[in-house]
């Protein structure tokens, strides 16, 4: 029996060619981000932000600092996917909706905040690593959501991070982890490329 989710994953490939005339509505863009933010985050920190570059003016600002990659101008939208350096002081606020909904008892909140603080706050590299992980989880969910909606996607790390930071007003604690273009494809894109054999990447213990 065919599993639609697995078929979506196995059928995904990075798009190279987009229909430059096709657009996405702001509501469609919001829905992609809503889906992305259902991805897992450590201690429910949700330490991400998404900047949707979708107007010709914004694309013209991004393109030269993203190696003039065609997807920036041709795809309907390119997200600047940002991870935020871990700040465990936000945990009570982030967990409050869980407590209100009866998912988590209020007494459990400090049981999350204290170990999270011990894990991250004295370790700058861990704070940054978690920002990158969080943003990547969110982007991955958006990639497969786009595929399920018949859209192409292209994750990109080819950009000047410092210039993106300045041009789009990122906060000091925000890391531009990747660009993610999404839009309607045009003919000529490759199928998913063959992968390394499982024997080379899997160890059963």
Protein backbone atom coordinates (compact mmCIF):
# COMPACT_ATOMS: atom_id res chain seq x y z
CA UNK A 1 0.00 0.00 0.00
CA UNK A 2 1.31 3.45 -0.92
CA UNK A 3 2.06 5.79 1.94
CA UNK A 4 1.55 9.37 0.79
CA UNK A 5 3.99 10.85 3.31
CA UNK A 6 6.80 8.49 2.35
CA UNK A 7 6.14 8.99 -1.35
CA UNK A 8 6.35 12.75 -0.79
CA UNK A 9 9.71 12.37 0.94
CA UNK A 10 11.11 9.98 -1.66
CA UNK A 11 9.92 12.17 -4.53
CA UNK A 12 11.48 15.40 -3.33
CA UNK A 13 14.44 16.95 -5.08
CA UNK A 14 16.00 20.40 -4.97
CA UNK A 15 14.43 22.50 -7.70
CA UNK A 16 16.64 24.44 -10.10
CA UNK A 17 13.99 25.88 -12.40
CA UNK A 18 10.97 27.86 -11.22
CA UNK A 19 8.09 29.49 -13.03
CA UNK A 20 8.85 33.19 -12.45
CA UNK A 21 5.24 34.14 -13.20
CA UNK A 22 3.77 31.96 -10.44
CA UNK A 23 3.14 33.50 -7.04
CA UNK A 24 2.01 32.41 -3.59
CA UNK A 25 -0.47 34.37 -1.55
CA UNK A 26 0.51 35.70 1.86
CA UNK A 27 -1.92 33.18 3.36
CA UNK A 28 -0.12 30.34 1.56
CA UNK A 29 3.20 31.64 2.83
CA UNK A 30 1.82 31.84 6.36
CA UNK A 31 0.58 28.26 6.10
CA UNK A 32 4.01 26.99 5.06
CA UNK A 33 5.56 28.69 8.09
CA UNK A 34 2.79 27.43 10.38
CA UNK A 35 3.62 23.90 9.26
CA UNK A 36 7.33 24.56 9.69
CA UNK A 37 6.83 25.66 13.26
CA UNK A 38 5.28 22.32 14.21
CA UNK A 39 8.76 20.78 13.91
CA UNK A 40 10.52 19.72 17.12
CA UNK A 41 12.54 22.18 19.20
CA UNK A 42 14.61 21.59 22.32
CA UNK A 43 12.63 22.30 25.52
CA UNK A 44 9.88 23.79 23.31
CA UNK A 45 12.07 26.87 22.83
CA UNK A 46 10.80 27.54 19.28
CA UNK A 47 13.88 29.67 18.70
CA UNK A 48 13.36 30.48 15.02
CA UNK A 49 12.17 33.25 12.72
CA UNK A 50 11.32 33.26 9.03
CA UNK A 51 11.66 36.27 6.73
CA UNK A 52 9.58 35.78 3.56
CA UNK A 53 11.29 37.55 0.66
CA UNK A 54 8.49 37.74 -1.91
CA UNK A 55 8.29 41.19 -3.49
CA UNK A 56 10.45 42.21 -6.47
CA UNK A 57 12.03 44.91 -4.32
CA UNK A 58 12.98 42.50 -1.54
CA UNK A 59 14.26 39.93 -4.04
CA UNK A 60 16.45 42.64 -5.60
CA UNK A 61 17.95 43.28 -2.16
CA UNK A 62 18.62 39.61 -1.48
CA UNK A 63 19.86 38.45 -4.87
CA UNK A 64 23.28 40.17 -4.99
CA UNK A 65 24.16 38.98 -1.48
CA UNK A 66 23.03 35.44 -2.35
CA UNK A 67 25.38 34.91 -5.30
CA UNK A 68 22.66 35.99 -7.76
CA UNK A 69 21.19 32.50 -7.67
CA UNK A 70 18.22 32.35 -10.08
CA UNK A 71 15.89 30.81 -7.50
CA UNK A 72 15.95 34.06 -5.52
CA UNK A 73 14.25 35.98 -8.31
CA UNK A 74 12.32 33.17 -10.02
CA UNK A 75 10.73 31.33 -7.07
CA UNK A 76 7.58 32.77 -5.54
CA UNK A 77 9.25 33.25 -2.17
CA UNK A 78 12.62 32.76 -0.55
CA UNK A 79 12.65 32.39 3.21
CA UNK A 80 15.59 33.60 5.25
CA UNK A 81 15.46 30.87 7.88
CA UNK A 82 16.86 32.21 11.14
CA UNK A 83 17.78 30.37 14.29
CA UNK A 84 17.89 32.33 17.53
CA UNK A 85 20.64 31.74 20.08
CA UNK A 86 19.16 29.81 22.98
CA UNK A 87 17.86 31.95 25.82
CA UNK A 88 16.34 29.71 28.46
CA UNK A 89 14.65 32.63 30.26
CA UNK A 90 11.85 32.40 27.67
CA UNK A 91 10.93 28.84 28.65
CA UNK A 92 8.14 29.76 31.13
CA UNK A 93 6.54 31.96 28.46
CA UNK A 94 6.87 29.27 25.78
CA UNK A 95 5.45 26.59 28.07
CA UNK A 96 2.58 28.72 29.38
CA UNK A 97 0.20 27.67 26.55
CA UNK A 98 0.88 24.01 27.40
CA UNK A 99 0.04 24.64 31.03
CA UNK A 100 -3.10 26.55 30.10
CA UNK A 101 -4.22 23.75 27.78
CA UNK A 102 -3.72 21.15 30.50
CA UNK A 103 -0.93 19.40 28.59
CA UNK A 104 1.73 20.12 31.21
CA UNK A 105 1.36 20.73 34.97
CA UNK A 106 2.68 24.12 36.09
CA UNK A 107 5.03 22.43 38.57
CA UNK A 108 6.91 20.87 35.66
CA UNK A 109 7.98 24.19 34.11
CA UNK A 110 11.03 24.73 36.39
CA UNK A 111 11.92 21.07 35.85
CA UNK A 112 12.47 22.02 32.21
CA UNK A 113 13.95 25.49 32.69
CA UNK A 114 16.69 24.52 35.14
CA UNK A 115 18.30 21.69 33.15
CA UNK A 116 17.98 23.73 29.95
CA UNK A 117 19.82 26.63 31.59
CA UNK A 118 22.55 24.27 32.79
CA UNK A 119 22.82 22.70 29.36
CA UNK A 120 23.08 25.86 27.28
CA UNK A 121 23.64 29.20 28.93
CA UNK A 122 27.31 28.84 29.86
CA UNK A 123 28.16 27.30 26.49
CA UNK A 124 28.03 29.71 23.50
CA UNK A 125 28.69 26.97 20.96
CA UNK A 126 25.79 24.87 22.26
CA UNK A 127 23.50 27.91 22.07
CA UNK A 128 24.48 28.44 18.44
CA UNK A 129 24.34 24.74 17.56
CA UNK A 130 20.79 24.59 18.86
CA UNK A 131 19.84 27.64 16.81
CA UNK A 132 21.07 25.88 13.68
CA UNK A 133 19.32 22.63 14.58
CA UNK A 134 16.03 24.38 15.29
CA UNK A 135 16.05 26.35 12.06
CA UNK A 136 16.96 23.25 10.06
CA UNK A 137 14.10 21.21 11.54
CA UNK A 138 11.67 23.98 10.63
CA UNK A 139 13.01 24.33 7.10
CA UNK A 140 12.82 20.56 6.58
CA UNK A 141 9.15 20.50 7.50
CA UNK A 142 8.50 23.33 5.03
CA UNK A 143 10.39 21.49 2.28
CA UNK A 144 8.17 18.43 2.55
CA UNK A 145 5.02 20.52 3.02
CA UNK A 146 5.87 22.32 -0.21
CA UNK A 147 6.37 19.01 -2.00
CA UNK A 148 3.01 17.74 -0.77
CA UNK A 149 1.39 20.87 -2.22
CA UNK A 150 2.99 20.32 -5.61
CA UNK A 151 5.63 23.01 -5.14
CA UNK A 152 9.37 22.89 -5.57
CA UNK A 153 11.92 23.96 -2.98
CA UNK A 154 15.61 24.78 -2.88
CA UNK A 155 17.58 25.06 0.38
CA UNK A 156 20.69 27.20 -0.10
CA UNK A 157 23.72 28.11 1.97
CA UNK A 158 25.27 30.23 -0.80
CA UNK A 159 24.93 33.72 0.65
CA UNK A 160 26.85 36.37 2.57
CA UNK A 161 25.58 35.83 6.09
CA UNK A 162 26.87 39.16 7.40
CA UNK A 163 25.30 41.06 4.51
CA UNK A 164 21.97 39.27 4.97
CA UNK A 165 22.13 40.09 8.67
CA UNK A 166 22.61 43.79 7.91
CA UNK A 167 20.28 44.12 4.91
CA UNK A 168 17.30 42.45 6.56
CA UNK A 169 17.78 43.78 10.07
CA UNK A 170 18.37 40.54 11.93
CA UNK A 171 18.69 40.80 15.68
CA UNK A 172 22.04 40.30 17.35
CA UNK A 173 20.98 36.86 18.59
CA UNK A 174 19.74 35.66 15.18
CA UNK A 175 21.72 33.39 12.86
CA UNK A 176 20.74 33.23 9.17
CA UNK A 177 20.99 29.46 8.82
CA UNK A 178 19.83 28.99 5.23
CA UNK A 179 17.77 30.40 2.42
CA UNK A 180 14.80 28.32 1.30
CA UNK A 181 13.17 29.12 -2.04
CA UNK A 182 9.69 27.71 -2.68
CA UNK A 183 7.48 28.04 -5.73
CA UNK A 184 5.90 26.43 -8.77
CA UNK A 185 8.41 24.50 -10.83
CA UNK A 186 8.87 24.60 -14.57
CA UNK A 187 10.08 21.67 -16.69
CA UNK A 188 13.69 20.53 -16.58
CA UNK A 189 14.22 19.80 -12.90
CA UNK A 190 15.98 16.57 -12.00
CA UNK A 191 14.43 13.66 -10.19
CA UNK A 192 15.83 12.84 -6.76
CA UNK A 193 19.51 11.94 -7.07
CA UNK A 194 20.61 8.41 -6.07
CA UNK A 195 21.90 8.12 -2.52
CA UNK A 196 24.80 6.23 -0.98
CA UNK A 197 24.10 2.57 -0.15
CA UNK A 198 22.65 1.91 3.28
CA UNK A 199 25.60 -0.37 4.04
CA UNK A 200 27.84 2.70 3.88
CA UNK A 201 25.80 4.83 6.28
CA UNK A 202 23.99 2.47 8.66
CA UNK A 203 25.45 0.57 11.60
CA UNK A 204 23.18 -1.85 13.43
CA UNK A 205 24.32 -2.54 17.02
